[in-house]
Amino acid sequence: MNKTSMIHIRVQPDVKEKAEEILNNLGMTTTEAVNIYLKQIILNCGLPFKVRIPKFSDEMLEAIAEAEEIEKHPENYKSYRNLAEIIEDLDNE
């Protein structure tokens, strides 16, 4: 039997929940994903991806701000249940 070591980490609950949901859909556990990540660090002699500050266009930053505002105050925005409602609303303009 292989010996194992424990790693204790703290993450934000929503990050953990979203990641576990995705990993579950992929058919793997968080432990398996962390093991893959650590093995990739070894294979790459560093992080297996670029770590950098993303640079977004002004248009993208405006869209992000708008999405955050909608998320904070959804009652201030019209919502639709399906595409037909959107098309109907557009036709009535």
PDB file of N, CA and C in Angstrom:
ATOM      1  N   MET A   1       0.844  -1.186   0.000  1.00  0.00           N
ATOM      2  CA  MET A   1       0.000   0.000   0.000  1.00  0.00           C
ATOM      3  C   MET A   1       0.886   1.244   0.000  1.00  0.00           C
ATOM      4  N   ASN A   2       0.541   2.210  -0.852  1.00  0.00           N
ATOM      5  CA  ASN A   2       1.304   3.457  -0.931  1.00  0.00           C
ATOM      6  C   ASN A   2       1.050   4.320   0.282  1.00  0.00           C
ATOM      7  N   LYS A   3       2.116   4.934   0.774  1.00  0.00           N
ATOM      8  CA  LYS A   3       1.956   5.901   1.851  1.00  0.00           C
ATOM      9  C   LYS A   3       1.483   7.210   1.238  1.00  0.00           C
ATOM     10  N   THR A   4       0.722   7.979   1.994  1.00  0.00           N
ATOM     11  CA  THR A   4       0.255   9.271   1.515  1.00  0.00           C
ATOM     12  C   THR A   4       0.552  10.328   2.564  1.00  0.00           C
ATOM     13  N   SER A   5       0.612  11.572   2.127  1.00  0.00           N
ATOM     14  CA  SER A   5       0.785  12.714   3.016  1.00  0.00           C
ATOM     15  C   SER A   5      -0.460  13.573   2.933  1.00  0.00           C
ATOM     16  N   MET A   6      -0.736  14.261   4.008  1.00  0.00           N
ATOM     17  CA  MET A   6      -1.905  15.136   4.046  1.00  0.00           C
ATOM     18  C   MET A   6      -1.492  16.554   3.687  1.00  0.00           C
ATOM     19  N   ILE A   7      -2.354  17.229   2.953  1.00  0.00           N
ATOM     20  CA  ILE A   7      -2.211  18.659   2.678  1.00  0.00           C
ATOM     21  C   ILE A   7      -3.498  19.314   3.159  1.00  0.00           C
ATOM     22  N   HIS A   8      -3.377  20.307   3.999  1.00  0.00           N
ATOM     23  CA  HIS A   8      -4.548  21.041   4.489  1.00  0.00           C
ATOM     24  C   HIS A   8      -4.496  22.428   3.862  1.00  0.00           C
ATOM     25  N   ILE A   9      -5.546  22.792   3.160  1.00  0.00           N
ATOM     26  CA  ILE A   9      -5.606  24.107   2.533  1.00  0.00           C
ATOM     27  C   ILE A   9      -6.934  24.772   2.873  1.00  0.00           C
ATOM     28  N   ARG A  10      -6.934  26.079   2.817  1.00  0.00           N
ATOM     29  CA  ARG A  10      -8.163  26.843   3.027  1.00  0.00           C
ATOM     30  C   ARG A  10      -8.538  27.501   1.702  1.00  0.00           C
ATOM     31  N   VAL A  11      -9.790  27.355   1.337  1.00  0.00           N
ATOM     32  CA  VAL A  11     -10.310  27.990   0.124  1.00  0.00           C
ATOM     33  C   VAL A  11     -11.674  28.593   0.446  1.00  0.00           C
ATOM     34  N   GLN A  12     -12.073  29.537  -0.370  1.00  0.00           N
ATOM     35  CA  GLN A  12     -13.393  30.131  -0.192  1.00  0.00           C
ATOM     36  C   GLN A  12     -14.450  29.062  -0.477  1.00  0.00           C
ATOM     37  N   PRO A  13     -15.503  29.009   0.332  1.00  0.00           N
ATOM     38  CA  PRO A  13     -16.521  27.969   0.168  1.00  0.00           C
ATOM     39  C   PRO A  13     -17.129  27.919  -1.233  1.00  0.00           C
ATOM     40  N   ASP A  14     -17.389  29.082  -1.840  1.00  0.00           N
ATOM     41  CA  ASP A  14     -17.999  29.071  -3.176  1.00  0.00           C
ATOM     42  C   ASP A  14     -17.029  28.538  -4.224  1.00  0.00           C
ATOM     43  N   VAL A  15     -15.738  28.813  -4.062  1.00  0.00           N
ATOM     44  CA  VAL A  15     -14.738  28.290  -4.995  1.00  0.00           C
ATOM     45  C   VAL A  15     -14.688  26.771  -4.881  1.00  0.00           C
ATOM     46  N   LYS A  16     -14.669  26.267  -3.651  1.00  0.00           N
ATOM     47  CA  LYS A  16     -14.639  24.821  -3.411  1.00  0.00           C
ATOM     48  C   LYS A  16     -15.866  24.154  -4.022  1.00  0.00           C
ATOM     49  N   GLU A  17     -17.039  24.728  -3.779  1.00  0.00           N
ATOM     50  CA  GLU A  17     -18.286  24.146  -4.267  1.00  0.00           C
ATOM     51  C   GLU A  17     -18.328  24.097  -5.797  1.00  0.00           C
ATOM     52  N   LYS A  18     -17.960  25.206  -6.443  1.00  0.00           N
ATOM     53  CA  LYS A  18     -17.984  25.251  -7.915  1.00  0.00           C
ATOM     54  C   LYS A  18     -16.969  24.283  -8.511  1.00  0.00           C
ATOM     55  N   ALA A  19     -15.766  24.243  -7.911  1.00  0.00           N
ATOM     56  CA  ALA A  19     -14.732  23.342  -8.418  1.00  0.00           C
ATOM     57  C   ALA A  19     -15.155  21.890  -8.247  1.00  0.00           C
ATOM     58  N   GLU A  20     -15.716  21.549  -7.086  1.00  0.00           N
ATOM     59  CA  GLU A  20     -16.149  20.171  -6.852  1.00  0.00           C
ATOM     60  C   GLU A  20     -17.255  19.756  -7.813  1.00  0.00           C
ATOM     61  N   GLU A  21     -18.141  20.676  -8.137  1.00  0.00           N
ATOM     62  CA  GLU A  21     -19.220  20.375  -9.084  1.00  0.00           C
ATOM     63  C   GLU A  21     -18.640  20.050 -10.464  1.00  0.00           C
ATOM     64  N   ILE A  22     -17.688  20.846 -10.905  1.00  0.00           N
ATOM     65  CA  ILE A  22     -17.047  20.605 -12.205  1.00  0.00           C
ATOM     66  C   ILE A  22     -16.277  19.297 -12.177  1.00  0.00           C
ATOM     67  N   LEU A  23     -15.505  19.085 -11.127  1.00  0.00           N
ATOM     68  CA  LEU A  23     -14.722  17.851 -11.019  1.00  0.00           C
ATOM     69  C   LEU A  23     -15.636  16.632 -10.971  1.00  0.00           C
ATOM     70  N   ASN A  24     -16.737  16.743 -10.259  1.00  0.00           N
ATOM     71  CA  ASN A  24     -17.701  15.648 -10.200  1.00  0.00           C
ATOM     72  C   ASN A  24     -18.224  15.312 -11.597  1.00  0.00           C
ATOM     73  N   ASN A  25     -18.524  16.346 -12.389  1.00  0.00           N
ATOM     74  CA  ASN A  25     -18.984  16.125 -13.767  1.00  0.00           C
ATOM     75  C   ASN A  25     -17.904  15.472 -14.620  1.00  0.00           C
ATOM     76  N   LEU A  26     -16.646  15.699 -14.258  1.00  0.00           N
ATOM     77  CA  LEU A  26     -15.533  15.064 -14.965  1.00  0.00           C
ATOM     78  C   LEU A  26     -15.246  13.663 -14.428  1.00  0.00           C
ATOM     79  N   GLY A  27     -15.935  13.300 -13.347  1.00  0.00           N
ATOM     80  CA  GLY A  27     -15.755  11.968 -12.778  1.00  0.00           C
ATOM     81  C   GLY A  27     -14.534  11.842 -11.891  1.00  0.00           C
ATOM     82  N   MET A  28     -14.116  12.946 -11.281  1.00  0.00           N
ATOM     83  CA  MET A  28     -12.951  12.863 -10.406  1.00  0.00           C
ATOM     84  C   MET A  28     -13.192  13.616  -9.112  1.00  0.00           C
ATOM     85  N   THR A  29     -12.399  13.269  -8.123  1.00  0.00           N
ATOM     86  CA  THR A  29     -12.490  13.920  -6.825  1.00  0.00           C
ATOM     87  C   THR A  29     -11.518  15.093  -6.762  1.00  0.00           C
ATOM     88  N   THR A  30     -11.702  15.911  -5.743  1.00  0.00           N
ATOM     89  CA  THR A  30     -10.772  17.016  -5.523  1.00  0.00           C
ATOM     90  C   THR A  30      -9.371  16.478  -5.262  1.00  0.00           C
ATOM     91  N   THR A  31      -9.278  15.403  -4.519  1.00  0.00           N
ATOM     92  CA  THR A  31      -7.972  14.785  -4.243  1.00  0.00           C
ATOM     93  C   THR A  31      -7.284  14.362  -5.530  1.00  0.00           C
ATOM     94  N   GLU A  32      -8.030  13.733  -6.435  1.00  0.00           N
ATOM     95  CA  GLU A  32      -7.441  13.317  -7.716  1.00  0.00           C
ATOM     96  C   GLU A  32      -6.978  14.534  -8.514  1.00  0.00           C
ATOM     97  N   ALA A  33      -7.783  15.594  -8.520  1.00  0.00           N
ATOM     98  CA  ALA A  33      -7.420  16.802  -9.269  1.00  0.00           C
ATOM     99  C   ALA A  33      -6.167  17.447  -8.682  1.00  0.00           C
ATOM    100  N   VAL A  34      -6.071  17.500  -7.361  1.00  0.00           N
ATOM    101  CA  VAL A  34      -4.893  18.089  -6.725  1.00  0.00           C
ATOM    102  C   VAL A  34      -3.655  17.252  -7.039  1.00  0.00           C
ATOM    103  N   ASN A  35      -3.801  15.933  -7.026  1.00  0.00           N
ATOM    104  CA  ASN A  35      -2.667  15.065  -7.377  1.00  0.00           C
ATOM    105  C   ASN A  35      -2.209  15.308  -8.813  1.00  0.00           C
ATOM    106  N   ILE A  36      -3.157  15.474  -9.742  1.00  0.00           N
ATOM    107  CA  ILE A  36      -2.798  15.774 -11.133  1.00  0.00           C
ATOM    108  C   ILE A  36      -2.066  17.114 -11.194  1.00  0.00           C
ATOM    109  N   TYR A  37      -2.579  18.098 -10.503  1.00  0.00           N
ATOM    110  CA  TYR A  37      -1.961  19.430 -10.473  1.00  0.00           C
ATOM    111  C   TYR A  37      -0.530  19.353  -9.946  1.00  0.00           C
ATOM    112  N   LEU A  38      -0.330  18.668  -8.843  1.00  0.00           N
ATOM    113  CA  LEU A  38       1.004  18.564  -8.259  1.00  0.00           C
ATOM    114  C   LEU A  38       1.961  17.813  -9.188  1.00  0.00           C
ATOM    115  N   LYS A  39       1.475  16.781  -9.854  1.00  0.00           N
ATOM    116  CA  LYS A  39       2.318  16.047 -10.812  1.00  0.00           C
ATOM    117  C   LYS A  39       2.683  16.936 -12.001  1.00  0.00           C
ATOM    118  N   GLN A  40       1.766  17.799 -12.426  1.00  0.00           N
ATOM    119  CA  GLN A  40       2.067  18.724 -13.514  1.00  0.00           C
ATOM    120  C   GLN A  40       3.106  19.761 -13.088  1.00  0.00           C
ATOM    121  N   ILE A  41       3.062  20.185 -11.842  1.00  0.00           N
ATOM    122  CA  ILE A  41       4.091  21.097 -11.323  1.00  0.00           C
ATOM    123  C   ILE A  41       5.460  20.429 -11.429  1.00  0.00           C
ATOM    124  N   ILE A  42       5.524  19.161 -11.051  1.00  0.00           N
ATOM    125  CA  ILE A  42       6.790  18.425 -11.125  1.00  0.00           C
ATOM    126  C   ILE A  42       7.246  18.304 -12.579  1.00  0.00           C
ATOM    127  N   LEU A  43       6.343  17.912 -13.476  1.00  0.00           N
ATOM    128  CA  LEU A  43       6.698  17.739 -14.889  1.00  0.00           C
ATOM    129  C   LEU A  43       7.144  19.041 -15.552  1.00  0.00           C
ATOM    130  N   ASN A  44       6.535  20.151 -15.146  1.00  0.00           N
ATOM    131  CA  ASN A  44       6.838  21.460 -15.746  1.00  0.00           C
ATOM    132  C   ASN A  44       7.912  22.231 -14.991  1.00  0.00           C
ATOM    133  N   CYS A  45       8.368  21.691 -13.877  1.00  0.00           N
ATOM    134  CA  CYS A  45       9.308  22.403 -13.001  1.00  0.00           C
ATOM    135  C   CYS A  45       8.770  23.794 -12.655  1.00  0.00           C
ATOM    136  N   GLY A  46       7.496  23.879 -12.437  1.00  0.00           N
ATOM    137  CA  GLY A  46       6.818  25.129 -12.110  1.00  0.00           C
ATOM    138  C   GLY A  46       5.332  24.963 -12.335  1.00  0.00           C
ATOM    139  N   LEU A  47       4.629  26.053 -12.267  1.00  0.00           N
ATOM    140  CA  LEU A  47       3.184  25.994 -12.497  1.00  0.00           C
ATOM    141  C   LEU A  47       2.902  25.582 -13.938  1.00  0.00           C
ATOM    142  N   PRO A  48       1.880  24.768 -14.154  1.00  0.00           N
ATOM    143  CA  PRO A  48       1.588  24.286 -15.508  1.00  0.00           C
ATOM    144  C   PRO A  48       0.771  25.261 -16.364  1.00  0.00           C
ATOM    145  N   PHE A  49       0.791  26.524 -15.999  1.00  0.00           N
ATOM    146  CA  PHE A  49       0.090  27.564 -16.756  1.00  0.00           C
ATOM    147  C   PHE A  49       0.746  28.896 -16.447  1.00  0.00           C
ATOM    148  N   LYS A  50       0.489  29.872 -17.298  1.00  0.00           N
ATOM    149  CA  LYS A  50       1.038  31.206 -17.073  1.00  0.00           C
ATOM    150  C   LYS A  50       0.251  31.890 -15.961  1.00  0.00           C
ATOM    151  N   VAL A  51       0.966  32.546 -15.082  1.00  0.00           N
ATOM    152  CA  VAL A  51       0.328  33.336 -14.037  1.00  0.00           C
ATOM    153  C   VAL A  51       0.553  34.790 -14.402  1.00  0.00           C
ATOM    154  N   ARG A  52      -0.525  35.479 -14.713  1.00  0.00           N
ATOM    155  CA  ARG A  52      -0.401  36.872 -15.128  1.00  0.00           C
ATOM    156  C   ARG A  52      -1.695  37.606 -14.836  1.00  0.00           C
ATOM    157  N   ILE A  53      -1.622  38.886 -14.842  1.00  0.00           N
ATOM    158  CA  ILE A  53      -2.799  39.715 -14.644  1.00  0.00           C
ATOM    159  C   ILE A  53      -3.475  39.853 -16.006  1.00  0.00           C
ATOM    160  N   PRO A  54      -4.746  39.448 -16.103  1.00  0.00           N
ATOM    161  CA  PRO A  54      -5.413  39.555 -17.401  1.00  0.00           C
ATOM    162  C   PRO A  54      -5.630  41.017 -17.788  1.00  0.00           C
ATOM    163  N   LYS A  55      -5.462  41.300 -19.055  1.00  0.00           N
ATOM    164  CA  LYS A  55      -5.704  42.644 -19.555  1.00  0.00           C
ATOM    165  C   LYS A  55      -6.938  42.583 -20.446  1.00  0.00           C
ATOM    166  N   PHE A  56      -7.984  43.238 -20.007  1.00  0.00           N
ATOM    167  CA  PHE A  56      -9.232  43.233 -20.747  1.00  0.00           C
ATOM    168  C   PHE A  56      -9.405  44.557 -21.489  1.00  0.00           C
ATOM    169  N   SER A  57     -10.119  44.495 -22.586  1.00  0.00           N
ATOM    170  CA  SER A  57     -10.448  45.704 -23.330  1.00  0.00           C
ATOM    171  C   SER A  57     -11.438  46.534 -22.510  1.00  0.00           C
ATOM    172  N   ASP A  58     -11.564  47.801 -22.858  1.00  0.00           N
ATOM    173  CA  ASP A  58     -12.532  48.670 -22.169  1.00  0.00           C
ATOM    174  C   ASP A  58     -13.937  48.110 -22.311  1.00  0.00           C
ATOM    175  N   GLU A  59     -14.245  47.589 -23.492  1.00  0.00           N
ATOM    176  CA  GLU A  59     -15.569  47.014 -23.734  1.00  0.00           C
ATOM    177  C   GLU A  59     -15.824  45.827 -22.803  1.00  0.00           C
ATOM    178  N   MET A  60     -14.815  44.975 -22.617  1.00  0.00           N
ATOM    179  CA  MET A  60     -14.951  43.828 -21.735  1.00  0.00           C
ATOM    180  C   MET A  60     -15.118  44.277 -20.286  1.00  0.00           C
ATOM    181  N   LEU A  61     -14.352  45.283 -19.863  1.00  0.00           N
ATOM    182  CA  LEU A  61     -14.478  45.794 -18.502  1.00  0.00           C
ATOM    183  C   LEU A  61     -15.865  46.374 -18.255  1.00  0.00           C
ATOM    184  N   GLU A  62     -16.425  47.058 -19.244  1.00  0.00           N
ATOM    185  CA  GLU A  62     -17.786  47.592 -19.129  1.00  0.00           C
ATOM    186  C   GLU A  62     -18.797  46.459 -19.009  1.00  0.00           C
ATOM    187  N   ALA A  63     -18.615  45.401 -19.795  1.00  0.00           N
ATOM    188  CA  ALA A  63     -19.525  44.254 -19.750  1.00  0.00           C
ATOM    189  C   ALA A  63     -19.446  43.558 -18.391  1.00  0.00           C
ATOM    190  N   ILE A  64     -18.245  43.434 -17.854  1.00  0.00           N
ATOM    191  CA  ILE A  64     -18.074  42.827 -16.534  1.00  0.00           C
ATOM    192  C   ILE A  64     -18.772  43.665 -15.471  1.00  0.00           C
ATOM    193  N   ALA A  65     -18.594  44.980 -15.528  1.00  0.00           N
ATOM    194  CA  ALA A  65     -19.231  45.880 -14.565  1.00  0.00           C
ATOM    195  C   ALA A  65     -20.745  45.784 -14.668  1.00  0.00           C
ATOM    196  N   GLU A  66     -21.251  45.719 -15.894  1.00  0.00           N
ATOM    197  CA  GLU A  66     -22.701  45.602 -16.101  1.00  0.00           C
ATOM    198  C   GLU A  66     -23.221  44.286 -15.539  1.00  0.00           C
ATOM    199  N   ALA A  67     -22.500  43.197 -15.782  1.00  0.00           N
ATOM    200  CA  ALA A  67     -22.912  41.892 -15.269  1.00  0.00           C
ATOM    201  C   ALA A  67     -22.917  41.876 -13.742  1.00  0.00           C
ATOM    202  N   GLU A  68     -21.921  42.499 -13.130  1.00  0.00           N
ATOM    203  CA  GLU A  68     -21.873  42.574 -11.672  1.00  0.00           C
ATOM    204  C   GLU A  68     -23.036  43.383 -11.128  1.00  0.00           C
ATOM    205  N   GLU A  69     -23.391  44.468 -11.816  1.00  0.00           N
ATOM    206  CA  GLU A  69     -24.517  45.298 -11.396  1.00  0.00           C
ATOM    207  C   GLU A  69     -25.829  44.517 -11.503  1.00  0.00           C
ATOM    208  N   ILE A  70     -25.996  43.782 -12.588  1.00  0.00           N
ATOM    209  CA  ILE A  70     -27.208  42.966 -12.769  1.00  0.00           C
ATOM    210  C   ILE A  70     -27.288  41.909 -11.682  1.00  0.00           C
ATOM    211  N   GLU A  71     -26.145  41.307 -11.346  1.00  0.00           N
ATOM    212  CA  GLU A  71     -26.114  40.278 -10.308  1.00  0.00           C
ATOM    213  C   GLU A  71     -26.493  40.857  -8.940  1.00  0.00           C
ATOM    214  N   LYS A  72     -26.053  42.079  -8.660  1.00  0.00           N
ATOM    215  CA  LYS A  72     -26.350  42.717  -7.376  1.00  0.00           C
ATOM    216  C   LYS A  72     -27.807  43.163  -7.281  1.00  0.00           C
ATOM    217  N   HIS A  73     -28.361  43.644  -8.404  1.00  0.00           N
ATOM    218  CA  HIS A  73     -29.710  44.214  -8.403  1.00  0.00           C
ATOM    219  C   HIS A  73     -30.544  43.664  -9.560  1.00  0.00           C
ATOM    220  N   PRO A  74     -30.836  42.362  -9.565  1.00  0.00           N
ATOM    221  CA  PRO A  74     -31.586  41.780 -10.688  1.00  0.00           C
ATOM    222  C   PRO A  74     -32.991  42.348 -10.836  1.00  0.00           C
ATOM    223  N   GLU A  75     -33.529  42.888  -9.738  1.00  0.00           N
ATOM    224  CA  GLU A  75     -34.884  43.442  -9.791  1.00  0.00           C
ATOM    225  C   GLU A  75     -34.973  44.675 -10.682  1.00  0.00           C
ATOM    226  N   ASN A  76     -33.844  45.288 -10.979  1.00  0.00           N
ATOM    227  CA  ASN A  76     -33.825  46.492 -11.819  1.00  0.00           C
ATOM    228  C   ASN A  76     -33.748  46.168 -13.308  1.00  0.00           C
ATOM    229  N   TYR A  77     -33.726  44.893 -13.644  1.00  0.00           N
ATOM    230  CA  TYR A  77     -33.534  44.493 -15.040  1.00  0.00           C
ATOM    231  C   TYR A  77     -34.608  43.509 -15.467  1.00  0.00           C
ATOM    232  N   LYS A  78     -34.997  43.624 -16.713  1.00  0.00           N
ATOM    233  CA  LYS A  78     -35.999  42.725 -17.258  1.00  0.00           C
ATOM    234  C   LYS A  78     -35.359  41.371 -17.505  1.00  0.00           C
ATOM    235  N   SER A  79     -36.091  40.311 -17.235  1.00  0.00           N
ATOM    236  CA  SER A  79     -35.575  38.967 -17.489  1.00  0.00           C
ATOM    237  C   SER A  79     -36.539  38.223 -18.405  1.00  0.00           C
ATOM    238  N   TYR A  80     -36.033  37.203 -19.019  1.00  0.00           N
ATOM    239  CA  TYR A  80     -36.803  36.419 -19.977  1.00  0.00           C
ATOM    240  C   TYR A  80     -36.691  34.944 -19.623  1.00  0.00           C
ATOM    241  N   ARG A  81     -37.753  34.202 -19.920  1.00  0.00           N
ATOM    242  CA  ARG A  81     -37.738  32.762 -19.648  1.00  0.00           C
ATOM    243  C   ARG A  81     -37.231  31.958 -20.835  1.00  0.00           C
ATOM    244  N   ASN A  82     -37.321  32.553 -22.038  1.00  0.00           N
ATOM    245  CA  ASN A  82     -36.886  31.824 -23.231  1.00  0.00           C
ATOM    246  C   ASN A  82     -36.625  32.802 -24.370  1.00  0.00           C
ATOM    247  N   LEU A  83     -36.094  32.290 -25.459  1.00  0.00           N
ATOM    248  CA  LEU A  83     -35.744  33.113 -26.608  1.00  0.00           C
ATOM    249  C   LEU A  83     -36.972  33.744 -27.251  1.00  0.00           C
ATOM    250  N   ALA A  84     -38.077  33.037 -27.260  1.00  0.00           N
ATOM    251  CA  ALA A  84     -39.305  33.569 -27.868  1.00  0.00           C
ATOM    252  C   ALA A  84     -39.727  34.877 -27.196  1.00  0.00           C
ATOM    253  N   GLU A  85     -39.591  34.950 -25.869  1.00  0.00           N
ATOM    254  CA  GLU A  85     -39.938  36.182 -25.155  1.00  0.00           C
ATOM    255  C   GLU A  85     -39.017  37.330 -25.552  1.00  0.00           C
ATOM    256  N   ILE A  86     -37.760  37.046 -25.750  1.00  0.00           N
ATOM    257  CA  ILE A  86     -36.807  38.084 -26.165  1.00  0.00           C
ATOM    258  C   ILE A  86     -37.177  38.609 -27.545  1.00  0.00           C
ATOM    259  N   ILE A  87     -37.445  37.702 -28.461  1.00  0.00           N
ATOM    260  CA  ILE A  87     -37.795  38.091 -29.836  1.00  0.00           C
ATOM    261  C   ILE A  87     -39.083  38.899 -29.841  1.00  0.00           C
ATOM    262  N   GLU A  88     -40.061  38.473 -29.059  1.00  0.00           N
ATOM    263  CA  GLU A  88     -41.326  39.203 -28.977  1.00  0.00           C
ATOM    264  C   GLU A  88     -41.111  40.612 -28.458  1.00  0.00           C
ATOM    265  N   ASP A  89     -40.291  40.731 -27.438  1.00  0.00           N
ATOM    266  CA  ASP A  89     -39.992  42.042 -26.858  1.00  0.00           C
ATOM    267  C   ASP A  89     -39.277  42.931 -27.873  1.00  0.00           C
ATOM    268  N   LEU A  90     -38.327  42.361 -28.603  1.00  0.00           N
ATOM    269  CA  LEU A  90     -37.620  43.123 -29.629  1.00  0.00           C
ATOM    270  C   LEU A  90     -38.550  43.573 -30.754  1.00  0.00           C
ATOM    271  N   ASP A  91     -39.483  42.704 -31.137  1.00  0.00           N
ATOM    272  CA  ASP A  91     -40.448  43.049 -32.187  1.00  0.00           C
ATOM    273  C   ASP A  91     -41.386  44.170 -31.757  1.00  0.00           C
ATOM    274  N   ASN A  92     -41.646  44.274 -30.452  1.00  0.00           N
ATOM    275  CA  ASN A  92     -42.553  45.298 -29.939  1.00  0.00           C
ATOM    276  C   ASN A  92     -41.889  46.647 -29.742  1.00  0.00           C
ATOM    277  N   GLU A  93     -40.579  46.705 -29.913  1.00  0.00           N
ATOM    278  CA  GLU A  93     -39.878  47.986 -29.734  1.00  0.00           C
ATOM    279  C   GLU A  93     -40.094  48.906 -30.905  1.00  0.00           C
TER     280      GLU A  93
END
